[in-house]
Every structure is written in structure tokens, then in C-alpha cells.
């Protein structure tokens, strides 16, 4: 998840009114020509779906879901397709090839552990920590700092981020330790350290699940603080204990080559394959909604969004390679949500503003603006409200 901090302040300054935990139909009744009821930009943070602008709403959902589908498909291709035109070979082969990027198996292992440590830190200090720290001085700002709060899926998102660490460490996606994994290799020489790693991973996931649901209504809870501390302990262990131990004691290619291969073939590629397939299904659900807007098709979109969200969140321990180089992380998961920008696009129907071209530059404000108008969270805004699928009235 890419979070544009410079953008957050600007977006929050544009949000007016008090925190709204329940829907309020405040669309004005002005006529907008053939488009029907006017869409109220000033009410962007609490906008209701309306039959008066159903076509515009469905158009935006369809464009956003198609972009997500394409990004997910491209991410899988970059890792698995030798003829994608973007790399001289698939990124899986680059990662495994012992070339200039990753000259040895231990360099790959260090990259794996670094990715795990980074997401542990992000979950604790940013995803949970920023809202928690804001709450005492500005509750509204704290609310809008919570990721995935339209769907009330924050807690499960964060847990899946920890599962991305578990999967990377276990060399599997089923919660079981594979014989060719960091865990198994470590257990063979230092079972106590392996048990500590497993415990810290489990503790972090459990602490997050212990936060009362939804997180946005329990930002300042003791359970939130416990989860922050558990994630910090996990990050510290990964950075200051696990990585140095492997670097100093388990660094031969003969031992680690099978581990790295298992990681790529049993964790990264299947996760991205799952992500691509579930975003195809999400796009199909959105197209069905567009053809027949109803409560049933809204619910189907919500279920498909939740399903597609899981493999994405379980990929965040390996946000390196194409997902970073090509800007696919912020394309798919940029945060915070530019609510007023989304409503502006709803009104204008100018979907070119969602696109950008050229080499990705994370410091390019024009690219960041385009990315803030697409992806999972834009689609979440259009599908969910107050933790439930939107309704057709």
C-alpha cells in the first residue's frame, strides 16, 4: 500500500463537516440536464448512490475495475512471462538468476526478510499507528487516516498483511511450513529462534484480530495499542535478529537456493495468479452491475471486492520488483482516498484523468493524482458505505 503523506493533508483540508458514521441522503435536487440529479461535491465524504446518476456511477465502477484487472494481470505477467517486453526476462528468473540485482541466494533472502520487516512496520506504525496517534487531538483526521474504512475491512486487511509475512517465512500459502522454507532451514539449526519467529508472527496477527470490529470505531482502544506493539516487536525481530542470523550463519547457496525457489513458485507467483483471477471476477461482477443495477448486483460486487482484496494484502511483504518499478502498488492501492476528486470524475466522466504514461516516478504529483482516483479504494468507495454494500433506492 502506497500512502502519499503530502496528499493526505491536502485531502483532509478539503473535507468539511463532522464525522459521519451513518448514511445521510443530502444530495440536492438541482437538475443536471440529461444526467439528472446534481452530484454534490461538497458532500463527497458521505455521498449516497442515486438512481438519478446511476449511469455515471456504474461507468466509473467499470473503468476502475477494468484498470485493476489490467494492473493485476500485468503484475503476474511481469513475474512469469518471458516475452512481456518490459524486462529482458521474467522477474522470477531475475530474482533466481544470481545476476547483478541478486548476486547470491542470501541477497534474495535478505530482500525477502526486508519486505517482511517493512510491512510489519507499516501495519503497526502507519496503518494502525497514525490513526491512533491522531485520535487524541483530531478524531476526524484519525478517522480519515484509517485505510479501508468504507468497507470496514481494515482489521482483516492488516491481518492479511501479517499473513504475507507468515507465507514468506513458511514458504507456503496454507499456514503450513514447507521443508524448503526460511522456517524449516532455521529450525534445523536453531529451533528456539524459529519458534520465536513463529510466535511473533502469530502474536501480531492475533493482536490485530483482537481489535473490536470495525477498527475505525475503536481507533484508540487498548487492543489497537497492543497490535501496534506486537507489530513493532515483529519488525524489530525481523530486522535485528532474523536477517543478521541468516546473513552470518545460513548464507550458502546450496541451502538457500531451494528456499528462494520455493518462495517464488509457491508464494509469489500463486499470490499474483490469485490476484489476477479474482480481479477478473471482480471486473465481471462490476460489468454485471452496470448492465443491471440492483441490490443483488451491488452485493455481488462487494463480495468480489473482498475476495480480490485478500491476495493483494497477502502480497504486501513482497512489494519489490515490478510492483514498485512500474507503479503498480499505488495504481492499485494508493491511499488516502481523494473523495472530492472521485466525485469530480463522477460529474465530468473524464476518465482520462485516471491514466498516466511514461516512466513511473513516485515523486511526480501528476502521476500521484491519477493514482489517487483509481484502484481498490476508489472502487471500495463506489461499492461500500458504512461496512455494507451500497443499495439501489
Protein backbone atom coordinates (compact mmCIF):
# COMPACT_ATOMS: atom_id res chain seq x y z
CA UNK A 1 0.00 0.00 0.00
CA UNK A 2 1.46 3.33 -1.07
CA UNK A 3 0.45 6.21 1.13
CA UNK A 4 1.08 9.72 -0.18
CA UNK A 5 1.56 11.70 3.03
CA UNK A 6 1.83 15.05 1.24
CA UNK A 7 -1.55 14.35 -0.30
CA UNK A 8 -3.22 13.35 2.96
CA UNK A 9 -3.00 16.83 4.45
CA UNK A 10 -4.43 18.40 1.31
CA UNK A 11 -7.28 15.92 1.12
CA UNK A 12 -8.18 16.30 4.75
CA UNK A 13 -8.22 20.09 4.49
CA UNK A 14 -10.80 19.67 1.72
CA UNK A 15 -13.15 17.58 3.86
CA UNK A 16 -15.79 19.59 5.66
CA UNK A 17 -18.43 18.76 8.25
CA UNK A 18 -18.41 16.31 11.10
CA UNK A 19 -17.54 12.63 11.07
CA UNK A 20 -20.42 10.67 9.58
CA UNK A 21 -20.88 7.13 10.81
CA UNK A 22 -24.30 6.71 9.22
CA UNK A 23 -25.66 7.48 5.79
CA UNK A 24 -27.48 10.70 5.19
CA UNK A 25 -29.14 11.42 1.90
CA UNK A 26 -28.15 15.01 1.29
CA UNK A 27 -27.96 15.13 -2.49
CA UNK A 28 -29.58 18.32 -3.72
CA UNK A 29 -32.35 18.19 -6.27
CA UNK A 30 -30.94 20.53 -8.89
CA UNK A 31 -31.39 19.31 -12.41
CA UNK A 32 -28.20 18.47 -14.31
CA UNK A 33 -29.63 18.36 -17.81
CA UNK A 34 -29.90 14.88 -19.25
CA UNK A 35 -27.72 13.50 -16.44
CA UNK A 36 -30.45 14.00 -13.78
CA UNK A 37 -29.75 14.99 -10.18
CA UNK A 38 -26.67 17.07 -9.45
CA UNK A 39 -23.83 15.25 -7.70
CA UNK A 40 -22.85 17.21 -4.60
CA UNK A 41 -19.04 17.50 -4.44
CA UNK A 42 -19.22 19.20 -1.06
CA UNK A 43 -20.83 16.02 0.29
CA UNK A 44 -18.15 13.76 -1.19
CA UNK A 45 -17.24 12.12 2.11
CA UNK A 46 -20.84 10.98 2.63
CA UNK A 47 -22.27 10.72 -0.88
CA UNK A 48 -25.14 8.29 -1.45
CA UNK A 49 -25.72 6.28 -4.60
CA UNK A 50 -28.68 7.65 -6.52
CA UNK A 51 -30.68 6.31 -9.44
CA UNK A 52 -30.51 9.84 -10.85
CA UNK A 53 -26.82 9.42 -11.62
CA UNK A 54 -26.68 5.63 -11.75
CA UNK A 55 -25.16 5.57 -15.24
CA UNK A 56 -22.27 7.82 -14.22
CA UNK A 57 -21.69 5.74 -11.08
CA UNK A 58 -21.64 2.46 -13.00
CA UNK A 59 -19.34 3.93 -15.64
CA UNK A 60 -16.79 4.86 -13.00
CA UNK A 61 -17.03 1.45 -11.33
CA UNK A 62 -16.47 -0.22 -14.69
CA UNK A 63 -13.42 1.87 -15.60
CA UNK A 64 -11.87 1.39 -12.15
CA UNK A 65 -12.42 -2.37 -12.11
CA UNK A 66 -11.01 -2.71 -15.62
CA UNK A 67 -7.87 -0.81 -14.62
CA UNK A 68 -7.48 -3.04 -11.56
CA UNK A 69 -7.90 -6.13 -13.71
CA UNK A 70 -5.25 -4.93 -16.15
CA UNK A 71 -2.79 -3.97 -13.41
CA UNK A 72 -3.17 -7.33 -11.67
CA UNK A 73 -2.76 -9.19 -14.96
CA UNK A 74 0.32 -7.16 -15.87
CA UNK A 75 1.88 -7.77 -12.47
CA UNK A 76 1.55 -11.53 -12.97
CA UNK A 77 2.98 -11.24 -16.50
CA UNK A 78 5.99 -9.28 -15.31
CA UNK A 79 6.85 -12.06 -12.89
CA UNK A 80 6.01 -15.05 -15.08
CA UNK A 81 6.13 -14.11 -18.78
CA UNK A 82 9.46 -14.08 -20.63
CA UNK A 83 8.01 -12.04 -23.50
CA UNK A 84 6.28 -9.17 -21.75
CA UNK A 85 8.50 -6.53 -23.33
CA UNK A 86 9.26 -4.77 -20.05
CA UNK A 87 12.13 -6.87 -18.72
CA UNK A 88 14.69 -8.94 -20.57
CA UNK A 89 13.19 -11.95 -18.82
CA UNK A 90 10.55 -12.67 -16.21
CA UNK A 91 11.18 -11.14 -12.82
CA UNK A 92 11.02 -14.62 -11.32
CA UNK A 93 14.08 -15.54 -13.37
CA UNK A 94 15.80 -12.27 -12.48
CA UNK A 95 15.24 -12.99 -8.80
CA UNK A 96 16.56 -16.54 -9.12
CA UNK A 97 19.35 -15.96 -11.64
CA UNK A 98 22.22 -14.72 -9.41
CA UNK A 99 22.76 -11.68 -11.59
CA UNK A 100 23.65 -8.11 -10.79
CA UNK A 101 20.41 -7.46 -8.91
CA UNK A 102 20.60 -10.55 -6.70
CA UNK A 103 24.13 -11.98 -6.85
CA UNK A 104 23.54 -14.79 -4.35
CA UNK A 105 20.80 -16.67 -2.56
CA UNK A 106 21.47 -14.79 0.66
CA UNK A 107 20.84 -11.49 -1.17
CA UNK A 108 17.42 -12.86 -2.12
CA UNK A 109 16.77 -13.95 1.47
CA UNK A 110 17.75 -10.52 2.75
CA UNK A 111 15.29 -8.98 0.27
CA UNK A 112 12.55 -11.35 1.47
CA UNK A 113 13.15 -10.50 5.13
CA UNK A 114 13.40 -6.77 4.40
CA UNK A 115 9.98 -6.92 2.70
CA UNK A 116 8.52 -8.70 5.71
CA UNK A 117 10.00 -6.15 8.11
CA UNK A 118 8.75 -3.22 6.07
CA UNK A 119 5.13 -4.36 6.07
CA UNK A 120 5.27 -5.24 9.79
CA UNK A 121 6.45 -1.70 10.45
CA UNK A 122 3.87 -0.15 8.13
CA UNK A 123 0.95 -2.01 9.72
CA UNK A 124 1.98 -1.06 13.25
CA UNK A 125 3.32 2.47 12.86
CA UNK A 126 1.27 3.72 9.90
CA UNK A 127 -1.91 1.76 9.26
CA UNK A 128 -2.80 1.44 12.95
CA UNK A 129 -0.37 3.93 14.48
CA UNK A 130 -1.26 7.06 12.51
CA UNK A 131 -4.99 6.96 13.33
CA UNK A 132 -4.18 6.03 16.94
CA UNK A 133 -1.77 8.95 17.36
CA UNK A 134 -4.14 11.42 15.70
CA UNK A 135 -7.13 10.40 17.78
CA UNK A 136 -6.29 12.36 20.92
CA UNK A 137 -6.02 15.69 19.08
CA UNK A 138 -8.21 15.32 15.98
CA UNK A 139 -10.74 12.50 15.85
CA UNK A 140 -11.94 13.37 12.37
CA UNK A 141 -8.41 13.28 10.99
CA UNK A 142 -7.92 9.96 12.77
CA UNK A 143 -10.98 8.50 11.06
CA UNK A 144 -9.86 9.58 7.61
CA UNK A 145 -6.41 8.12 8.23
CA UNK A 146 -7.96 4.62 8.53
CA UNK A 147 -7.45 2.55 5.40
CA UNK A 148 -10.46 0.60 4.04
CA UNK A 149 -13.00 2.24 6.31
CA UNK A 150 -15.83 2.36 3.76
CA UNK A 151 -15.90 -1.45 3.73
CA UNK A 152 -14.96 -1.80 7.42
CA UNK A 153 -12.30 -4.23 6.22
CA UNK A 154 -9.29 -2.57 7.85
CA UNK A 155 -8.70 -5.19 10.52
CA UNK A 156 -8.72 -8.06 8.02
CA UNK A 157 -6.51 -6.11 5.62
CA UNK A 158 -3.92 -5.67 8.35
CA UNK A 159 -4.15 -9.32 9.39
CA UNK A 160 -3.60 -10.39 5.78
CA UNK A 161 -0.51 -8.17 5.71
CA UNK A 162 0.86 -10.24 8.60
CA UNK A 163 -0.11 -13.41 6.75
CA UNK A 164 2.04 -12.17 3.87
CA UNK A 165 4.95 -12.33 6.32
CA UNK A 166 3.91 -15.77 7.52
CA UNK A 167 3.61 -17.06 3.94
CA UNK A 168 7.04 -15.70 3.04
CA UNK A 169 8.59 -17.30 6.12
CA UNK A 170 6.73 -20.63 5.80
CA UNK A 171 7.21 -20.96 2.02
CA UNK A 172 3.52 -21.67 1.56
CA UNK A 173 0.11 -20.01 1.48
CA UNK A 174 -1.74 -22.56 3.61
CA UNK A 175 -0.26 -21.78 7.01
CA UNK A 176 1.98 -24.86 6.98
CA UNK A 177 5.77 -24.85 7.00
CA UNK A 178 7.28 -26.17 3.77
CA UNK A 179 10.50 -28.17 4.02
CA UNK A 180 12.16 -25.63 1.69
CA UNK A 181 11.43 -22.51 3.69
CA UNK A 182 13.17 -19.99 5.89
CA UNK A 183 11.38 -21.52 8.85
CA UNK A 184 12.46 -25.09 8.15
CA UNK A 185 16.07 -24.11 7.46
CA UNK A 186 16.26 -22.09 10.66
CA UNK A 187 14.53 -24.77 12.73
CA UNK A 188 17.20 -27.28 11.69
CA UNK A 189 19.97 -25.23 13.29
CA UNK A 190 18.22 -23.02 15.84
CA UNK A 191 14.74 -24.24 16.76
CA UNK A 192 14.39 -21.73 19.58
CA UNK A 193 14.85 -18.83 17.18
CA UNK A 194 12.39 -20.36 14.71
CA UNK A 195 9.82 -20.76 17.49
CA UNK A 196 10.31 -17.11 18.41
CA UNK A 197 9.70 -16.06 14.81
CA UNK A 198 6.52 -18.13 14.61
CA UNK A 199 5.28 -16.75 17.92
CA UNK A 200 5.87 -13.13 16.96
CA UNK A 201 4.09 -13.60 13.63
CA UNK A 202 1.15 -15.28 15.34
CA UNK A 203 1.07 -12.69 18.12
CA UNK A 204 0.88 -9.82 15.62
CA UNK A 205 -1.93 -11.42 13.63
CA UNK A 206 -3.86 -12.30 16.78
CA UNK A 207 -3.40 -8.84 18.30
CA UNK A 208 -4.86 -7.25 15.17
CA UNK A 209 -7.81 -9.63 15.20
CA UNK A 210 -8.40 -8.73 18.86
CA UNK A 211 -9.21 -5.12 17.89
CA UNK A 212 -13.00 -4.78 18.14
CA UNK A 213 -14.66 -4.51 14.77
CA UNK A 214 -14.70 -2.10 13.00
CA UNK A 215 -11.28 -0.60 13.63
CA UNK A 216 -12.49 2.88 12.67
CA UNK A 217 -14.82 2.85 15.70
CA UNK A 218 -12.09 1.52 18.03
CA UNK A 219 -9.06 3.53 16.97
CA UNK A 220 -7.95 4.49 20.48
CA UNK A 221 -8.58 1.12 22.11
CA UNK A 222 -6.09 -0.80 24.23
CA UNK A 223 -6.32 -3.55 21.63
CA UNK A 224 -5.07 -1.13 18.95
CA UNK A 225 -2.09 -0.23 21.12
CA UNK A 226 -1.41 -3.93 21.72
CA UNK A 227 -1.44 -4.55 17.97
CA UNK A 228 0.96 -1.67 17.35
CA UNK A 229 3.35 -3.09 19.95
CA UNK A 230 3.10 -6.61 18.54
CA UNK A 231 3.89 -5.37 15.02
CA UNK A 232 6.83 -3.33 16.35
CA UNK A 233 8.21 -6.40 18.13
CA UNK A 234 7.90 -8.43 14.94
CA UNK A 235 9.61 -5.77 12.85
CA UNK A 236 12.44 -5.46 15.36
CA UNK A 237 12.99 -9.23 15.39
CA UNK A 238 12.99 -9.48 11.60
CA UNK A 239 15.41 -6.58 11.16
CA UNK A 240 17.76 -7.03 14.10
CA UNK A 241 17.70 -10.76 14.78
CA UNK A 242 16.44 -12.88 11.89
CA UNK A 243 18.16 -11.12 9.00
CA UNK A 244 21.58 -10.90 10.71
CA UNK A 245 21.33 -14.53 11.78
CA UNK A 246 20.81 -15.71 8.22
CA UNK A 247 23.47 -13.36 6.86
CA UNK A 248 26.05 -14.56 9.39
CA UNK A 249 25.14 -18.24 9.81
CA UNK A 250 22.99 -19.57 6.94
CA UNK A 251 24.29 -17.98 3.79
CA UNK A 252 25.34 -20.76 1.42
CA UNK A 253 23.60 -21.14 -1.93
CA UNK A 254 23.20 -24.90 -1.59
CA UNK A 255 20.99 -24.44 1.44
CA UNK A 256 19.14 -21.33 0.37
CA UNK A 257 18.58 -21.87 -3.38
CA UNK A 258 15.66 -24.28 -2.75
CA UNK A 259 14.21 -21.82 -0.23
CA UNK A 260 14.24 -18.94 -2.69
CA UNK A 261 12.81 -21.12 -5.46
CA UNK A 262 10.01 -22.31 -3.15
CA UNK A 263 9.27 -18.72 -2.17
CA UNK A 264 8.90 -17.65 -5.80
CA UNK A 265 6.97 -20.69 -7.03
CA UNK A 266 4.75 -21.37 -4.02
CA UNK A 267 4.19 -17.88 -2.59
CA UNK A 268 4.81 -15.00 -5.00
CA UNK A 269 3.54 -16.48 -8.27
CA UNK A 270 0.42 -18.17 -6.80
CA UNK A 271 -0.47 -15.00 -4.90
CA UNK A 272 -0.22 -12.90 -8.04
CA UNK A 273 -2.08 -15.55 -10.04
CA UNK A 274 -4.87 -15.50 -7.45
CA UNK A 275 -4.88 -11.69 -7.56
CA UNK A 276 -5.23 -11.66 -11.34
CA UNK A 277 -8.02 -14.24 -11.36
CA UNK A 278 -10.00 -12.55 -8.61
CA UNK A 279 -9.75 -9.16 -10.28
CA UNK A 280 -11.10 -10.68 -13.47
CA UNK A 281 -14.03 -11.92 -11.38
CA UNK A 282 -14.40 -8.51 -9.75
CA UNK A 283 -14.49 -6.81 -13.15
CA UNK A 284 -17.15 -9.29 -14.31
CA UNK A 285 -19.26 -8.53 -11.21
CA UNK A 286 -18.98 -4.80 -11.89
CA UNK A 287 -19.95 -5.27 -15.53
CA UNK A 288 -23.00 -7.26 -14.37
CA UNK A 289 -23.92 -4.41 -12.04
CA UNK A 290 -23.56 -1.90 -14.86
CA UNK A 291 -25.91 -3.95 -17.01
CA UNK A 292 -28.43 -4.38 -14.19
CA UNK A 293 -28.02 -2.12 -11.14
CA UNK A 294 -29.69 -3.74 -8.15
CA UNK A 295 -29.09 -4.57 -4.51
CA UNK A 296 -28.19 -8.10 -5.57
CA UNK A 297 -25.56 -6.98 -8.08
CA UNK A 298 -24.19 -4.42 -5.59
CA UNK A 299 -23.80 -7.26 -3.07
CA UNK A 300 -22.05 -9.40 -5.69
CA UNK A 301 -19.61 -6.54 -6.36
CA UNK A 302 -18.91 -6.23 -2.63
CA UNK A 303 -18.23 -9.95 -2.28
CA UNK A 304 -15.94 -9.90 -5.32
CA UNK A 305 -14.08 -6.85 -3.98
CA UNK A 306 -13.46 -8.54 -0.63
CA UNK A 307 -12.25 -11.69 -2.41
CA UNK A 308 -9.87 -9.74 -4.68
CA UNK A 309 -8.59 -7.72 -1.74
CA UNK A 310 -7.24 -10.75 0.13
CA UNK A 311 -4.41 -11.77 -2.25
CA UNK A 312 -3.40 -8.15 -2.66
CA UNK A 313 -2.98 -7.66 1.08
CA UNK A 314 -1.16 -11.00 1.27
CA UNK A 315 1.32 -9.74 -1.33
CA UNK A 316 2.48 -6.71 0.63
CA UNK A 317 5.52 -8.48 2.11
CA UNK A 318 6.98 -8.56 -1.41
CA UNK A 319 6.44 -5.04 -2.73
CA UNK A 320 9.65 -5.10 -4.78
CA UNK A 321 10.36 -5.60 -8.45
CA UNK A 322 7.64 -4.73 -10.99
CA UNK A 323 5.01 -3.80 -8.42
CA UNK A 324 7.29 -0.95 -7.31
CA UNK A 325 9.21 -0.22 -10.53
CA UNK A 326 6.07 0.11 -12.66
CA UNK A 327 3.95 2.00 -10.14
CA UNK A 328 1.51 -0.87 -9.77
CA UNK A 329 1.33 -0.62 -5.98
CA UNK A 330 -0.02 2.96 -5.97
CA UNK A 331 -2.06 2.23 -9.12
CA UNK A 332 -3.92 -0.47 -7.22
CA UNK A 333 -3.77 0.65 -3.60
CA UNK A 334 -2.98 4.35 -3.30
CA UNK A 335 -4.14 5.93 -0.06
CA UNK A 336 -5.56 8.26 1.20
CA UNK A 337 -8.76 8.36 -0.80
CA UNK A 338 -9.33 11.52 -2.85
CA UNK A 339 -13.07 11.64 -2.28
CA UNK A 340 -13.65 15.04 -3.87
CA UNK A 341 -11.51 14.05 -6.84
CA UNK A 342 -13.58 10.90 -7.29
CA UNK A 343 -16.83 12.86 -7.20
CA UNK A 344 -15.39 15.35 -9.69
CA UNK A 345 -14.77 12.43 -12.06
CA UNK A 346 -18.29 11.15 -11.40
CA UNK A 347 -19.61 14.51 -12.59
CA UNK A 348 -17.28 15.03 -15.54
CA UNK A 349 -16.98 11.39 -16.68
CA UNK A 350 -13.49 12.31 -17.88
CA UNK A 351 -11.76 9.02 -17.14
CA UNK A 352 -8.57 10.09 -18.88
CA UNK A 353 -7.66 11.64 -15.53
CA UNK A 354 -7.18 8.12 -14.16
CA UNK A 355 -4.37 7.37 -16.62
CA UNK A 356 -0.72 8.33 -16.75
CA UNK A 357 2.13 7.47 -19.12
CA UNK A 358 5.90 7.32 -19.26
CA UNK A 359 8.34 6.07 -16.66
CA UNK A 360 6.95 5.82 -13.15
CA UNK A 361 8.20 8.48 -10.73
CA UNK A 362 6.83 8.28 -7.21
CA UNK A 363 7.58 11.99 -6.71
CA UNK A 364 5.56 13.07 -9.76
CA UNK A 365 2.44 14.81 -8.44
CA UNK A 366 0.50 14.32 -11.70
CA UNK A 367 1.03 10.58 -11.55
CA UNK A 368 0.10 10.52 -7.86
CA UNK A 369 -3.10 12.44 -8.60
CA UNK A 370 -4.13 9.94 -11.28
CA UNK A 371 -3.36 7.03 -8.97
CA UNK A 372 -5.47 8.55 -6.18
CA UNK A 373 -8.55 8.31 -8.43
CA UNK A 374 -8.33 4.59 -9.22
CA UNK A 375 -7.56 1.30 -7.55
CA UNK A 376 -9.10 -0.76 -4.77
CA UNK A 377 -10.04 2.17 -2.55
CA UNK A 378 -11.81 4.14 -5.28
CA UNK A 379 -13.84 1.05 -6.11
CA UNK A 380 -14.43 0.48 -2.40
CA UNK A 381 -15.89 4.00 -2.12
CA UNK A 382 -18.24 3.30 -5.02
CA UNK A 383 -19.36 -0.13 -3.74
CA UNK A 384 -19.48 0.19 0.07
CA UNK A 385 -20.80 2.53 2.72
CA UNK A 386 -20.75 2.02 6.49
CA UNK A 387 -19.36 -1.51 6.11
CA UNK A 388 -22.13 -2.71 3.80
CA UNK A 389 -22.78 -2.82 0.07
CA UNK A 390 -24.48 0.30 -1.20
CA UNK A 391 -28.14 -0.01 -2.10
CA UNK A 392 -30.27 0.95 -5.06
CA UNK A 393 -33.21 3.01 -3.78
